[in-house]
Protein backbone atom coordinates (compact mmCIF):
# COMPACT_ATOMS: atom_id res chain seq x y z
CA UNK A 1 0.00 0.00 0.00
CA UNK A 2 1.30 3.44 -0.92
CA UNK A 3 1.33 6.03 1.79
CA UNK A 4 1.95 9.73 1.68
CA UNK A 5 3.44 11.95 4.33
CA UNK A 6 1.83 14.79 6.22
CA UNK A 7 3.34 18.04 4.92
CA UNK A 8 3.45 19.49 8.45
CA UNK A 9 4.57 16.71 10.81
CA UNK A 10 6.13 14.34 8.26
CA UNK A 11 4.45 11.20 9.59
CA UNK A 12 3.52 8.50 7.08
CA UNK A 13 -0.22 8.45 6.41
CA UNK A 14 -1.80 5.03 6.24
CA UNK A 15 -5.16 6.58 7.13
CA UNK A 16 -6.66 10.04 7.58
CA UNK A 17 -9.39 11.39 9.80
CA UNK A 18 -12.47 12.77 8.06
CA UNK A 19 -14.95 15.33 9.28
CA UNK A 20 -17.99 17.15 7.96
CA UNK A 21 -17.89 20.80 7.00
CA UNK A 22 -20.36 23.26 5.48
CA UNK A 23 -19.08 24.67 2.20
CA UNK A 24 -20.36 28.23 1.95
CA UNK A 25 -20.99 30.72 -0.83
CA UNK A 26 -22.16 34.23 0.02
CA UNK A 27 -23.08 33.25 3.60
CA UNK A 28 -25.25 30.30 2.51
CA UNK A 29 -24.47 26.61 2.72
CA UNK A 30 -23.80 25.47 -0.85
CA UNK A 31 -23.18 21.83 0.02
CA UNK A 32 -21.89 19.54 2.72
CA UNK A 33 -18.21 18.84 2.44
CA UNK A 34 -15.67 16.57 4.01
CA UNK A 35 -12.30 17.47 5.48
CA UNK A 36 -9.33 15.11 5.47
CA UNK A 37 -7.06 15.59 8.49
CA UNK A 38 -3.71 14.18 9.55
CA UNK A 39 -4.41 11.74 12.41
CA UNK A 40 -1.20 12.85 14.17
CA UNK A 41 -1.30 16.67 14.09
CA UNK A 42 -4.80 17.44 12.70
CA UNK A 43 -3.44 19.44 9.76
CA UNK A 44 -6.05 19.83 7.05
CA UNK A 45 -4.86 17.77 4.10
CA UNK A 46 -7.81 18.51 1.87
CA UNK A 47 -11.44 19.51 1.59
CA UNK A 48 -14.01 18.35 -0.96
CA UNK A 49 -17.64 17.59 -1.58
CA UNK A 50 -18.97 14.74 0.57
CA UNK A 51 -19.64 11.87 -1.87
CA UNK A 52 -22.32 10.38 0.41
CA UNK A 53 -24.23 13.66 0.49
CA UNK A 54 -23.95 14.06 -3.29
CA UNK A 55 -25.23 10.54 -3.84
CA UNK A 56 -28.23 11.21 -1.61
CA UNK A 57 -29.03 14.52 -3.31
CA UNK A 58 -28.82 12.95 -6.78
CA UNK A 59 -31.08 10.10 -5.66
CA UNK A 60 -33.71 12.54 -4.38
CA UNK A 61 -33.58 14.60 -7.57
CA UNK A 62 -33.99 11.52 -9.77
CA UNK A 63 -36.88 10.22 -7.65
CA UNK A 64 -38.62 13.62 -7.81
CA UNK A 65 -38.18 13.78 -11.59
CA UNK A 66 -39.59 10.26 -12.03
CA UNK A 67 -42.56 11.12 -9.81
CA UNK A 68 -43.29 14.28 -11.87
CA UNK A 69 -42.98 12.40 -15.16
CA UNK A 70 -45.27 9.61 -13.97
CA UNK A 71 -47.96 12.19 -13.20
CA UNK A 72 -47.85 13.41 -16.82
CA UNK A 73 -48.63 10.01 -18.33
CA UNK A 74 -52.31 9.28 -19.03
């Protein structure tokens, strides 16, 4: 398994800690994100969109669209 190193403390990273974060635009929550933190020194290694949240949102949008389309059929 390949491991990287924390840019701050230099420890080898075989795992990271993840946390939830609100990603904001103009003082409004745009989406739920995830932070990736060094398990040794808690340095933020990265931030991105939470894939679980995106999957749930896409599922709801598809279900809503199907429900609307089914109402249009005679």
